[in-house]
Amino acid sequence: MSGTFTQIYIQYVFAVKGRKNLLQKPWRD
């Protein structure tokens, strides 16, 4: 159970961070 919850949580965090990065600034390296 905890493993599944962790995977969902990580996916959610990465999705939110990715969205914020895309909205705040264009692709830069």
N, C-alpha and C. Protein backbone atom coordinates (compact mmCIF):
# COMPACT_ATOMS: atom_id res chain seq x y z
N MET A 1 0.83 -1.20 0.00
CA MET A 1 0.00 0.00 0.00
C MET A 1 0.88 1.26 0.00
N SER A 2 1.83 1.32 0.92
CA SER A 2 2.66 2.52 1.03
C SER A 2 3.46 2.72 -0.26
N GLY A 3 3.89 1.63 -0.88
CA GLY A 3 4.65 1.75 -2.13
C GLY A 3 3.81 2.40 -3.21
N THR A 4 2.57 1.97 -3.34
CA THR A 4 1.69 2.55 -4.36
C THR A 4 1.44 4.02 -4.05
N PHE A 5 1.21 4.34 -2.80
CA PHE A 5 0.96 5.73 -2.42
C PHE A 5 2.18 6.59 -2.74
N THR A 6 3.37 6.06 -2.48
CA THR A 6 4.59 6.82 -2.76
C THR A 6 4.71 7.10 -4.24
N GLN A 7 4.42 6.10 -5.07
CA GLN A 7 4.52 6.29 -6.53
C GLN A 7 3.55 7.37 -6.99
N ILE A 8 2.32 7.31 -6.49
CA ILE A 8 1.32 8.31 -6.87
C ILE A 8 1.75 9.69 -6.41
N TYR A 9 2.28 9.77 -5.20
CA TYR A 9 2.71 11.06 -4.65
C TYR A 9 3.84 11.64 -5.49
N ILE A 10 4.83 10.79 -5.83
CA ILE A 10 5.96 11.26 -6.63
C ILE A 10 5.47 11.74 -7.99
N GLN A 11 4.58 10.98 -8.61
CA GLN A 11 4.07 11.38 -9.92
C GLN A 11 3.35 12.72 -9.82
N TYR A 12 2.58 12.90 -8.75
CA TYR A 12 1.84 14.15 -8.56
C TYR A 12 2.80 15.33 -8.39
N VAL A 13 3.83 15.13 -7.56
CA VAL A 13 4.78 16.21 -7.29
C VAL A 13 5.50 16.59 -8.58
N PHE A 14 5.96 15.58 -9.34
CA PHE A 14 6.68 15.87 -10.58
C PHE A 14 5.77 16.58 -11.58
N ALA A 15 4.50 16.18 -11.63
CA ALA A 15 3.56 16.81 -12.56
C ALA A 15 3.37 18.28 -12.20
N VAL A 16 3.22 18.56 -10.90
CA VAL A 16 3.02 19.94 -10.46
C VAL A 16 4.27 20.77 -10.74
N LYS A 17 5.44 20.23 -10.40
CA LYS A 17 6.68 20.97 -10.61
C LYS A 17 6.90 21.21 -12.10
N GLY A 18 6.67 20.19 -12.92
CA GLY A 18 6.86 20.34 -14.36
C GLY A 18 5.94 21.41 -14.92
N ARG A 19 4.70 21.43 -14.46
CA ARG A 19 3.75 22.42 -14.94
C ARG A 19 4.19 23.82 -14.55
N LYS A 20 4.63 23.98 -13.32
CA LYS A 20 5.06 25.31 -12.85
C LYS A 20 6.27 25.78 -13.65
N ASN A 21 7.21 24.86 -13.90
CA ASN A 21 8.41 25.24 -14.65
C ASN A 21 8.04 25.66 -16.07
N LEU A 22 7.10 24.94 -16.68
CA LEU A 22 6.70 25.27 -18.05
C LEU A 22 6.01 26.63 -18.08
N LEU A 23 5.21 26.93 -17.05
CA LEU A 23 4.47 28.19 -17.04
C LEU A 23 5.38 29.36 -16.68
N GLN A 24 6.32 29.15 -15.80
CA GLN A 24 7.14 30.25 -15.31
C GLN A 24 8.20 30.66 -16.32
N LYS A 25 8.88 29.68 -16.94
CA LYS A 25 9.98 30.02 -17.84
C LYS A 25 10.04 29.04 -19.00
N PRO A 26 10.54 29.46 -20.14
CA PRO A 26 10.68 28.56 -21.29
C PRO A 26 11.78 27.55 -21.05
N TRP A 27 11.88 26.59 -21.96
CA TRP A 27 12.89 25.52 -21.80
C TRP A 27 14.28 26.13 -21.85
N ARG A 28 15.06 25.89 -20.80
CA ARG A 28 16.45 26.37 -20.76
C ARG A 28 17.31 25.35 -20.06
N ASP A 29 18.57 25.27 -20.48
CA ASP A 29 19.47 24.30 -19.86
C ASP A 29 20.60 25.01 -19.14
